[in-house]
C-alpha atoms as a PDB file:
ATOM      1  CA  UNK A   1      15.120 -29.955 -29.995  1.00  0.00           C
ATOM      2  CA  UNK A   2      11.883 -27.206 -28.696  1.00  0.00           C
ATOM      3  CA  UNK A   3      12.270 -26.712 -25.269  1.00  0.00           C
ATOM      4  CA  UNK A   4       8.751 -27.197 -23.741  1.00  0.00           C
ATOM      5  CA  UNK A   5       7.409 -24.210 -23.361  1.00  0.00           C
ATOM      6  CA  UNK A   6       6.726 -22.919 -19.384  1.00  0.00           C
ATOM      7  CA  UNK A   7       3.490 -22.365 -18.405  1.00  0.00           C
ATOM      8  CA  UNK A   8       0.976 -20.235 -17.989  1.00  0.00           C
ATOM      9  CA  UNK A   9       1.431 -18.087 -15.145  1.00  0.00           C
ATOM     10  CA  UNK A  10      -1.079 -15.598 -15.690  1.00  0.00           C
ATOM     11  CA  UNK A  11      -4.754 -15.866 -15.783  1.00  0.00           C
ATOM     12  CA  UNK A  12      -8.005 -14.017 -16.167  1.00  0.00           C
ATOM     13  CA  UNK A  13     -11.127 -14.317 -15.342  1.00  0.00           C
ATOM     14  CA  UNK A  14     -14.089 -13.034 -17.276  1.00  0.00           C
ATOM     15  CA  UNK A  15     -17.911 -14.132 -15.914  1.00  0.00           C
ATOM     16  CA  UNK A  16     -21.468 -12.488 -15.405  1.00  0.00           C
ATOM     17  CA  UNK A  17     -21.625 -13.919 -11.362  1.00  0.00           C
ATOM     18  CA  UNK A  18     -20.379  -9.855 -10.204  1.00  0.00           C
ATOM     19  CA  UNK A  19     -18.719  -9.300  -7.405  1.00  0.00           C
ATOM     20  CA  UNK A  20     -21.641  -9.774  -4.454  1.00  0.00           C
ATOM     21  CA  UNK A  21     -21.545 -13.197  -3.976  1.00  0.00           C
ATOM     22  CA  UNK A  22     -19.332 -15.891  -3.705  1.00  0.00           C
ATOM     23  CA  UNK A  23     -19.075 -17.071  -7.314  1.00  0.00           C
ATOM     24  CA  UNK A  24     -15.640 -15.534  -8.433  1.00  0.00           C
ATOM     25  CA  UNK A  25     -13.975 -15.925  -4.953  1.00  0.00           C
ATOM     26  CA  UNK A  26     -14.200 -19.505  -4.297  1.00  0.00           C
ATOM     27  CA  UNK A  27     -12.949 -20.143  -8.744  1.00  0.00           C
ATOM     28  CA  UNK A  28     -10.280 -17.977  -7.552  1.00  0.00           C
ATOM     29  CA  UNK A  29     -10.224 -19.977  -4.678  1.00  0.00           C
ATOM     30  CA  UNK A  30     -10.065 -23.518  -5.845  1.00  0.00           C
ATOM     31  CA  UNK A  31      -7.275 -22.049  -8.577  1.00  0.00           C
ATOM     32  CA  UNK A  32      -4.882 -21.249  -6.248  1.00  0.00           C
ATOM     33  CA  UNK A  33      -5.753 -24.074  -3.958  1.00  0.00           C
ATOM     34  CA  UNK A  34      -3.669 -25.861  -7.051  1.00  0.00           C
ATOM     35  CA  UNK A  35      -1.673 -23.510  -8.335  1.00  0.00           C
ATOM     36  CA  UNK A  36      -0.505 -20.683  -5.382  1.00  0.00           C
ATOM     37  CA  UNK A  37       1.878 -19.251  -7.484  1.00  0.00           C
ATOM     38  CA  UNK A  38       0.209 -17.322 -10.811  1.00  0.00           C
ATOM     39  CA  UNK A  39      -0.876 -14.005 -10.948  1.00  0.00           C
ATOM     40  CA  UNK A  40      -5.269 -13.489 -11.408  1.00  0.00           C
ATOM     41  CA  UNK A  41      -7.023 -10.776 -13.137  1.00  0.00           C
ATOM     42  CA  UNK A  42      -9.803  -9.908 -13.031  1.00  0.00           C
ATOM     43  CA  UNK A  43     -11.116  -8.701 -16.859  1.00  0.00           C
ATOM     44  CA  UNK A  44     -15.388  -7.939 -16.048  1.00  0.00           C
ATOM     45  CA  UNK A  45     -17.700  -9.971 -13.613  1.00  0.00           C
ATOM     46  CA  UNK A  46     -20.563  -7.369 -15.090  1.00  0.00           C
ATOM     47  CA  UNK A  47     -21.047  -8.912 -18.241  1.00  0.00           C
ATOM     48  CA  UNK A  48     -24.977  -8.795 -19.165  1.00  0.00           C
ATOM     49  CA  UNK A  49     -26.621 -12.328 -17.653  1.00  0.00           C
ATOM     50  CA  UNK A  50     -26.720 -15.651 -19.589  1.00  0.00           C
ATOM     51  CA  UNK A  51     -25.717 -13.044 -22.574  1.00  0.00           C
ATOM     52  CA  UNK A  52     -22.716 -14.902 -24.929  1.00  0.00           C
ATOM     53  CA  UNK A  53     -22.557 -11.667 -28.022  1.00  0.00           C
ATOM     54  CA  UNK A  54     -21.114  -9.334 -25.558  1.00  0.00           C
ATOM     55  CA  UNK A  55     -18.957 -11.606 -23.882  1.00  0.00           C
ATOM     56  CA  UNK A  56     -17.186 -12.825 -27.137  1.00  0.00           C
ATOM     57  CA  UNK A  57     -17.322  -9.091 -28.356  1.00  0.00           C
ATOM     58  CA  UNK A  58     -15.264  -8.665 -24.898  1.00  0.00           C
ATOM     59  CA  UNK A  59     -13.110 -11.185 -25.310  1.00  0.00           C
ATOM     60  CA  UNK A  60     -11.953 -10.939 -28.919  1.00  0.00           C
ATOM     61  CA  UNK A  61     -10.511  -7.206 -27.742  1.00  0.00           C
ATOM     62  CA  UNK A  62      -9.914  -7.999 -25.037  1.00  0.00           C
ATOM     63  CA  UNK A  63      -7.222 -10.995 -24.987  1.00  0.00           C
ATOM     64  CA  UNK A  64      -5.408 -10.539 -28.480  1.00  0.00           C
ATOM     65  CA  UNK A  65      -4.023  -7.792 -26.200  1.00  0.00           C
ATOM     66  CA  UNK A  66      -2.145  -9.805 -23.060  1.00  0.00           C
ATOM     67  CA  UNK A  67       1.099 -11.245 -23.630  1.00  0.00           C
ATOM     68  CA  UNK A  68       1.273 -14.887 -25.118  1.00  0.00           C
ATOM     69  CA  UNK A  69       1.241 -17.405 -23.048  1.00  0.00           C
ATOM     70  CA  UNK A  70      -1.740 -16.307 -20.878  1.00  0.00           C
ATOM     71  CA  UNK A  71      -4.547 -18.546 -19.599  1.00  0.00           C
ATOM     72  CA  UNK A  72      -7.816 -16.669 -20.022  1.00  0.00           C
ATOM     73  CA  UNK A  73     -10.436 -18.208 -18.733  1.00  0.00           C
ATOM     74  CA  UNK A  74     -14.303 -17.170 -19.093  1.00  0.00           C
ATOM     75  CA  UNK A  75     -17.604 -18.696 -18.133  1.00  0.00           C
ATOM     76  CA  UNK A  76     -21.230 -17.049 -19.068  1.00  0.00           C
ATOM     77  CA  UNK A  77     -22.847 -20.682 -18.867  1.00  0.00           C
ATOM     78  CA  UNK A  78     -25.959 -20.293 -19.335  1.00  0.00           C
ATOM     79  CA  UNK A  79     -26.348 -23.690 -20.377  1.00  0.00           C
ATOM     80  CA  UNK A  80     -24.747 -24.956 -17.769  1.00  0.00           C
ATOM     81  CA  UNK A  81     -25.104 -28.911 -16.822  1.00  0.00           C
ATOM     82  CA  UNK A  82     -26.212 -29.484 -20.211  1.00  0.00           C
ATOM     83  CA  UNK A  83     -24.838 -30.768 -23.605  1.00  0.00           C
ATOM     84  CA  UNK A  84     -22.367 -28.148 -24.303  1.00  0.00           C
ATOM     85  CA  UNK A  85     -18.982 -28.660 -23.920  1.00  0.00           C
ATOM     86  CA  UNK A  86     -16.116 -27.629 -21.318  1.00  0.00           C
ATOM     87  CA  UNK A  87     -13.057 -26.962 -23.757  1.00  0.00           C
ATOM     88  CA  UNK A  88      -9.954 -25.634 -23.676  1.00  0.00           C
ATOM     89  CA  UNK A  89      -8.515 -23.472 -27.229  1.00  0.00           C
ATOM     90  CA  UNK A  90      -5.352 -22.472 -28.280  1.00  0.00           C
ATOM     91  CA  UNK A  91      -5.849 -19.535 -30.828  1.00  0.00           C
ATOM     92  CA  UNK A  92      -2.849 -17.865 -31.382  1.00  0.00           C
ATOM     93  CA  UNK A  93      -0.618 -19.245 -28.339  1.00  0.00           C
ATOM     94  CA  UNK A  94      -2.731 -18.041 -25.821  1.00  0.00           C
ATOM     95  CA  UNK A  95      -5.305 -20.858 -23.907  1.00  0.00           C
ATOM     96  CA  UNK A  96      -9.274 -20.056 -23.483  1.00  0.00           C
ATOM     97  CA  UNK A  97     -11.220 -22.741 -21.006  1.00  0.00           C
ATOM     98  CA  UNK A  98     -15.057 -22.498 -20.516  1.00  0.00           C
ATOM     99  CA  UNK A  99     -17.998 -23.497 -21.942  1.00  0.00           C
ATOM    100  CA  UNK A 100     -18.362 -24.019 -25.398  1.00  0.00           C
ATOM    101  CA  UNK A 101     -21.644 -21.913 -26.686  1.00  0.00           C
ATOM    102  CA  UNK A 102     -19.989 -19.623 -28.678  1.00  0.00           C
ATOM    103  CA  UNK A 103     -17.910 -17.323 -26.583  1.00  0.00           C
ATOM    104  CA  UNK A 104     -14.583 -18.072 -28.030  1.00  0.00           C
ATOM    105  CA  UNK A 105     -16.422 -18.247 -31.500  1.00  0.00           C
ATOM    106  CA  UNK A 106     -15.441 -15.266 -32.265  1.00  0.00           C
ATOM    107  CA  UNK A 107     -11.464 -14.814 -31.089  1.00  0.00           C
ATOM    108  CA  UNK A 108     -11.725 -18.244 -32.853  1.00  0.00           C
ATOM    109  CA  UNK A 109     -13.285 -16.516 -36.425  1.00  0.00           C
ATOM    110  CA  UNK A 110     -10.841 -13.898 -35.958  1.00  0.00           C
ATOM    111  CA  UNK A 111      -7.681 -15.438 -35.645  1.00  0.00           C
ATOM    112  CA  UNK A 112      -7.956 -19.120 -36.475  1.00  0.00           C
ATOM    113  CA  UNK A 113      -8.258 -22.443 -34.009  1.00  0.00           C
ATOM    114  CA  UNK A 114      -4.261 -23.705 -33.083  1.00  0.00           C
ATOM    115  CA  UNK A 115      -5.834 -26.753 -31.562  1.00  0.00           C
ATOM    116  CA  UNK A 116      -8.940 -27.313 -29.133  1.00  0.00           C
ATOM    117  CA  UNK A 117      -9.696 -30.211 -26.631  1.00  0.00           C
ATOM    118  CA  UNK A 118     -12.868 -31.304 -24.479  1.00  0.00           C
ATOM    119  CA  UNK A 119     -12.181 -31.263 -20.680  1.00  0.00           C
ATOM    120  CA  UNK A 120     -13.075 -34.754 -20.163  1.00  0.00           C
ATOM    121  CA  UNK A 121     -10.894 -36.537 -17.565  1.00  0.00           C
ATOM    122  CA  UNK A 122     -12.582 -38.751 -14.626  1.00  0.00           C
ATOM    123  CA  UNK A 123      -9.458 -38.917 -12.603  1.00  0.00           C
ATOM    124  CA  UNK A 124      -9.119 -34.610 -12.405  1.00  0.00           C
ATOM    125  CA  UNK A 125     -12.843 -33.701 -12.727  1.00  0.00           C
ATOM    126  CA  UNK A 126     -14.637 -36.394 -10.287  1.00  0.00           C
ATOM    127  CA  UNK A 127     -18.506 -35.849 -11.848  1.00  0.00           C
ATOM    128  CA  UNK A 128     -19.457 -36.831  -8.739  1.00  0.00           C
ATOM    129  CA  UNK A 129     -17.227 -33.794  -7.387  1.00  0.00           C
ATOM    130  CA  UNK A 130     -19.058 -31.676  -9.506  1.00  0.00           C
ATOM    131  CA  UNK A 131     -22.121 -29.704  -8.584  1.00  0.00           C
ATOM    132  CA  UNK A 132     -24.913 -29.102 -11.909  1.00  0.00           C
ATOM    133  CA  UNK A 133     -24.901 -25.314 -11.548  1.00  0.00           C
ATOM    134  CA  UNK A 134     -21.775 -23.908 -10.609  1.00  0.00           C
ATOM    135  CA  UNK A 135     -19.254 -25.673 -13.297  1.00  0.00           C
ATOM    136  CA  UNK A 136     -16.670 -22.257 -12.826  1.00  0.00           C
ATOM    137  CA  UNK A 137     -15.917 -23.309  -9.875  1.00  0.00           C
ATOM    138  CA  UNK A 138     -16.085 -27.632 -10.528  1.00  0.00           C
ATOM    139  CA  UNK A 139     -14.575 -27.614 -13.675  1.00  0.00           C
ATOM    140  CA  UNK A 140     -13.372 -24.339 -15.229  1.00  0.00           C
ATOM    141  CA  UNK A 141     -11.495 -23.350 -12.252  1.00  0.00           C
ATOM    142  CA  UNK A 142      -9.502 -26.368 -11.754  1.00  0.00           C
ATOM    143  CA  UNK A 143      -8.656 -26.742 -15.312  1.00  0.00           C
ATOM    144  CA  UNK A 144      -6.608 -23.646 -15.593  1.00  0.00           C
ATOM    145  CA  UNK A 145      -5.095 -24.353 -12.431  1.00  0.00           C
ATOM    146  CA  UNK A 146      -3.494 -27.865 -14.344  1.00  0.00           C
ATOM    147  CA  UNK A 147      -2.921 -26.176 -16.938  1.00  0.00           C
ATOM    148  CA  UNK A 148      -0.852 -23.260 -14.839  1.00  0.00           C
ATOM    149  CA  UNK A 149       0.508 -25.993 -13.303  1.00  0.00           C
ATOM    150  CA  UNK A 150       2.428 -28.041 -16.766  1.00  0.00           C
ATOM    151  CA  UNK A 151      -0.241 -30.436 -17.143  1.00  0.00           C
ATOM    152  CA  UNK A 152      -0.535 -31.691 -20.781  1.00  0.00           C
ATOM    153  CA  UNK A 153      -4.139 -29.888 -22.603  1.00  0.00           C
ATOM    154  CA  UNK A 154      -3.807 -33.708 -24.217  1.00  0.00           C
ATOM    155  CA  UNK A 155      -3.961 -35.396 -20.646  1.00  0.00           C
ATOM    156  CA  UNK A 156      -7.461 -32.908 -20.048  1.00  0.00           C
ATOM    157  CA  UNK A 157      -9.473 -34.738 -22.784  1.00  0.00           C
ATOM    158  CA  UNK A 158      -9.957 -35.561 -26.387  1.00  0.00           C
ATOM    159  CA  UNK A 159      -9.166 -32.893 -28.850  1.00  0.00           C
ATOM    160  CA  UNK A 160     -11.884 -31.799 -30.548  1.00  0.00           C
ATOM    161  CA  UNK A 161     -12.129 -29.279 -34.181  1.00  0.00           C
ATOM    162  CA  UNK A 162     -14.964 -27.721 -34.478  1.00  0.00           C
ATOM    163  CA  UNK A 163     -16.162 -24.756 -31.446  1.00  0.00           C
ATOM    164  CA  UNK A 164     -19.169 -23.129 -31.759  1.00  0.00           C
ATOM    165  CA  UNK A 165     -19.100 -20.142 -33.597  1.00  0.00           C
ATOM    166  CA  UNK A 166     -22.192 -17.205 -32.374  1.00  0.00           C
ATOM    167  CA  UNK A 167     -24.504 -16.015 -34.761  1.00  0.00           C
ATOM    168  CA  UNK A 168     -23.811 -12.731 -35.366  1.00  0.00           C
ATOM    169  CA  UNK A 169     -26.333  -9.927 -37.226  1.00  0.00           C
ATOM    170  CA  UNK A 170     -25.199  -8.689 -40.452  1.00  0.00           C
ATOM    171  CA  UNK A 171     -24.809  -5.646 -41.886  1.00  0.00           C
ATOM    172  CA  UNK A 172     -26.856  -5.507 -44.616  1.00  0.00           C
ATOM    173  CA  UNK A 173     -24.947  -3.269 -47.903  1.00  0.00           C
ATOM    174  CA  UNK A 174     -27.400  -1.655 -50.123  1.00  0.00           C
ATOM    175  CA  UNK A 175     -26.402   0.895 -52.879  1.00  0.00           C
ATOM    176  CA  UNK A 176     -28.147   4.345 -50.787  1.00  0.00           C
ATOM    177  CA  UNK A 177     -27.872   2.640 -46.835  1.00  0.00           C
ATOM    178  CA  UNK A 178     -26.098   0.229 -44.932  1.00  0.00           C
ATOM    179  CA  UNK A 179     -28.912  -1.533 -42.371  1.00  0.00           C
ATOM    180  CA  UNK A 180     -27.685  -2.215 -39.333  1.00  0.00           C
ATOM    181  CA  UNK A 181     -28.788  -3.056 -35.607  1.00  0.00           C
ATOM    182  CA  UNK A 182     -27.214  -2.227 -32.220  1.00  0.00           C
ATOM    183  CA  UNK A 183     -26.131  -5.519 -31.068  1.00  0.00           C
ATOM    184  CA  UNK A 184     -24.830  -4.477 -26.734  1.00  0.00           C
ATOM    185  CA  UNK A 185     -25.126  -1.468 -24.986  1.00  0.00           C
ATOM    186  CA  UNK A 186     -21.950  -0.948 -22.007  1.00  0.00           C
ATOM    187  CA  UNK A 187     -22.131   0.753 -18.645  1.00  0.00           C
ATOM    188  CA  UNK A 188     -22.107   4.397 -20.230  1.00  0.00           C
ATOM    189  CA  UNK A 189     -25.410   3.755 -22.023  1.00  0.00           C
ATOM    190  CA  UNK A 190     -23.560   3.706 -25.661  1.00  0.00           C
ATOM    191  CA  UNK A 191     -25.315   1.194 -28.117  1.00  0.00           C
ATOM    192  CA  UNK A 192     -22.599  -0.687 -30.236  1.00  0.00           C
ATOM    193  CA  UNK A 193     -23.394  -1.359 -34.086  1.00  0.00           C
ATOM    194  CA  UNK A 194     -22.421  -4.082 -35.671  1.00  0.00           C
ATOM    195  CA  UNK A 195     -21.710  -2.141 -38.589  1.00  0.00           C
ATOM    196  CA  UNK A 196     -18.020  -2.524 -38.912  1.00  0.00           C
ATOM    197  CA  UNK A 197     -16.522   1.215 -39.932  1.00  0.00           C
ATOM    198  CA  UNK A 198     -14.085  -0.668 -42.591  1.00  0.00           C
ATOM    199  CA  UNK A 199     -17.279  -1.298 -43.985  1.00  0.00           C
ATOM    200  CA  UNK A 200     -18.612   2.251 -43.332  1.00  0.00           C
ATOM    201  CA  UNK A 201     -15.537   3.566 -45.524  1.00  0.00           C
ATOM    202  CA  UNK A 202     -15.660   1.618 -47.988  1.00  0.00           C
ATOM    203  CA  UNK A 203     -19.520   2.085 -48.204  1.00  0.00           C
ATOM    204  CA  UNK A 204     -19.169   5.578 -48.469  1.00  0.00           C
ATOM    205  CA  UNK A 205     -16.705   6.595 -50.480  1.00  0.00           C
ATOM    206  CA  UNK A 206     -15.597   9.685 -48.870  1.00  0.00           C
ATOM    207  CA  UNK A 207     -19.448  10.931 -49.790  1.00  0.00           C
ATOM    208  CA  UNK A 208     -21.432  12.198 -47.061  1.00  0.00           C
ATOM    209  CA  UNK A 209     -24.471  10.340 -45.067  1.00  0.00           C
ATOM    210  CA  UNK A 210     -26.640  10.197 -42.624  1.00  0.00           C
ATOM    211  CA  UNK A 211     -27.586   7.827 -40.316  1.00  0.00           C
ATOM    212  CA  UNK A 212     -31.401   7.365 -38.531  1.00  0.00           C
ATOM    213  CA  UNK A 213     -31.594   5.659 -35.127  1.00  0.00           C
ATOM    214  CA  UNK A 214     -35.066   5.126 -33.017  1.00  0.00           C
ATOM    215  CA  UNK A 215     -36.934   8.132 -34.917  1.00  0.00           C
ATOM    216  CA  UNK A 216     -33.496  10.415 -34.569  1.00  0.00           C
ATOM    217  CA  UNK A 217     -31.782  11.526 -37.187  1.00  0.00           C
ATOM    218  CA  UNK A 218     -28.032  12.417 -36.398  1.00  0.00           C
ATOM    219  CA  UNK A 219     -25.606  13.717 -38.763  1.00  0.00           C
ATOM    220  CA  UNK A 220     -23.008  11.081 -40.337  1.00  0.00           C
ATOM    221  CA  UNK A 221     -20.125  10.266 -37.612  1.00  0.00           C
ATOM    222  CA  UNK A 222     -18.401  12.599 -35.716  1.00  0.00           C
ATOM    223  CA  UNK A 223     -15.043  13.140 -33.973  1.00  0.00           C
ATOM    224  CA  UNK A 224     -15.068  12.444 -30.727  1.00  0.00           C
ATOM    225  CA  UNK A 225     -18.503  12.611 -27.864  1.00  0.00           C
ATOM    226  CA  UNK A 226     -18.266  16.552 -26.969  1.00  0.00           C
ATOM    227  CA  UNK A 227     -18.629  17.708 -31.363  1.00  0.00           C
ATOM    228  CA  UNK A 228     -22.443  17.890 -30.471  1.00  0.00           C
ATOM    229  CA  UNK A 229     -24.399  19.986 -26.556  1.00  0.00           C
ATOM    230  CA  UNK A 230     -24.866  18.067 -23.738  1.00  0.00           C
ATOM    231  CA  UNK A 231     -26.826  15.808 -23.435  1.00  0.00           C
ATOM    232  CA  UNK A 232     -27.322  15.610 -27.671  1.00  0.00           C
ATOM    233  CA  UNK A 233     -26.412  11.752 -28.846  1.00  0.00           C
ATOM    234  CA  UNK A 234     -24.096  12.074 -31.714  1.00  0.00           C
ATOM    235  CA  UNK A 235     -22.851   8.465 -33.639  1.00  0.00           C
ATOM    236  CA  UNK A 236     -19.215   7.818 -33.428  1.00  0.00           C
ATOM    237  CA  UNK A 237     -16.614   5.358 -34.352  1.00  0.00           C
ATOM    238  CA  UNK A 238     -16.303   3.232 -31.235  1.00  0.00           C
ATOM    239  CA  UNK A 239     -12.681   1.570 -30.010  1.00  0.00           C
ATOM    240  CA  UNK A 240     -13.707  -1.716 -31.398  1.00  0.00           C
ATOM    241  CA  UNK A 241     -14.070  -0.383 -34.862  1.00  0.00           C
ATOM    242  CA  UNK A 242     -17.841   0.380 -35.001  1.00  0.00           C
ATOM    243  CA  UNK A 243     -20.650   2.646 -35.037  1.00  0.00           C
ATOM    244  CA  UNK A 244     -21.282   4.031 -31.711  1.00  0.00           C
ATOM    245  CA  UNK A 245     -24.416   5.225 -30.701  1.00  0.00           C
ATOM    246  CA  UNK A 246     -23.419   7.738 -27.883  1.00  0.00           C
ATOM    247  CA  UNK A 247     -24.809  11.098 -26.129  1.00  0.00           C
ATOM    248  CA  UNK A 248     -22.175  13.433 -25.370  1.00  0.00           C
ATOM    249  CA  UNK A 249     -21.801  12.888 -20.775  1.00  0.00           C
ATOM    250  CA  UNK A 250     -25.508  11.017 -20.807  1.00  0.00           C
ATOM    251  CA  UNK A 251     -26.832   7.841 -21.424  1.00  0.00           C
ATOM    252  CA  UNK A 252     -28.164   7.491 -25.825  1.00  0.00           C
ATOM    253  CA  UNK A 253     -29.718   4.332 -23.623  1.00  0.00           C
ATOM    254  CA  UNK A 254     -32.148   6.675 -21.779  1.00  0.00           C
ATOM    255  CA  UNK A 255     -32.336   9.441 -24.235  1.00  0.00           C
ATOM    256  CA  UNK A 256     -32.895   7.238 -26.984  1.00  0.00           C
ATOM    257  CA  UNK A 257     -35.134   4.670 -25.561  1.00  0.00           C
ATOM    258  CA  UNK A 258     -32.110   2.150 -26.996  1.00  0.00           C
ATOM    259  CA  UNK A 259     -32.351  -1.685 -26.536  1.00  0.00           C
ATOM    260  CA  UNK A 260     -30.648  -4.570 -28.224  1.00  0.00           C
ATOM    261  CA  UNK A 261     -31.701  -5.044 -32.334  1.00  0.00           C
ATOM    262  CA  UNK A 262     -32.237  -1.595 -32.385  1.00  0.00           C
ATOM    263  CA  UNK A 263     -32.072  -0.434 -36.233  1.00  0.00           C
ATOM    264  CA  UNK A 264     -29.770   2.044 -37.046  1.00  0.00           C
ATOM    265  CA  UNK A 265     -30.001   2.831 -40.928  1.00  0.00           C
ATOM    266  CA  UNK A 266     -26.977   4.508 -42.569  1.00  0.00           C
ATOM    267  CA  UNK A 267     -28.592   6.792 -45.081  1.00  0.00           C
ATOM    268  CA  UNK A 268     -26.376   8.339 -48.187  1.00  0.00           C
ATOM    269  CA  UNK A 269     -26.791  12.242 -49.240  1.00  0.00           C
ATOM    270  CA  UNK A 270     -26.925  13.561 -52.696  1.00  0.00           C
END
């Protein structure tokens, strides 16, 4: 007989709430009020407000690096109070709590879904005590705390099998070029694109190419940020294993006036 898994002892929080207001502190207070002896780690609270895709990429990159059994709470929730489902997902022996709006979709797409549940237990989460605008405090934080206290996910609501997968712009592959775009821009002004490094290597087959972006031409991939003079733009493989447009010790967003959906094109030479 298999022993019952130990309840999570580590909870991470990811939001677009920032740290100036009471929102993150309120969530932590609710969690600790239900499950006192649990460690809470902040992944990020400075994600772009209301933007699902940057959060989905961050979660896919960061959360699998935590130990199995970790419970990840993520609240980027522009549809709060609406029809989107509040969910618990189990992916690679880790639990994810938050809105079913695509925020966990890249994790599901990459690693597969083990099981999922809708948070819908009126006894544990009375609708009358649930605000219309702050489900992070009134629904997701207590759900995480109950899970960390040993409550089975099935006790929080019915099982689901179809979490939302976000639409990610697809890179176009042609014989002489790759056509992609900027997906999001980090705090350094680096622009992360939808052009995967593995796709670049497969397409280039060791040949030379140039990168065109915002009216500028960059000579292929640089090995590191310092490979160009300070202030100059470059193309490099990001830590997410995608093509990144950056500047040496400057902001590519500012220098090149980049924004989300700016086209990025790789053109084969010769």
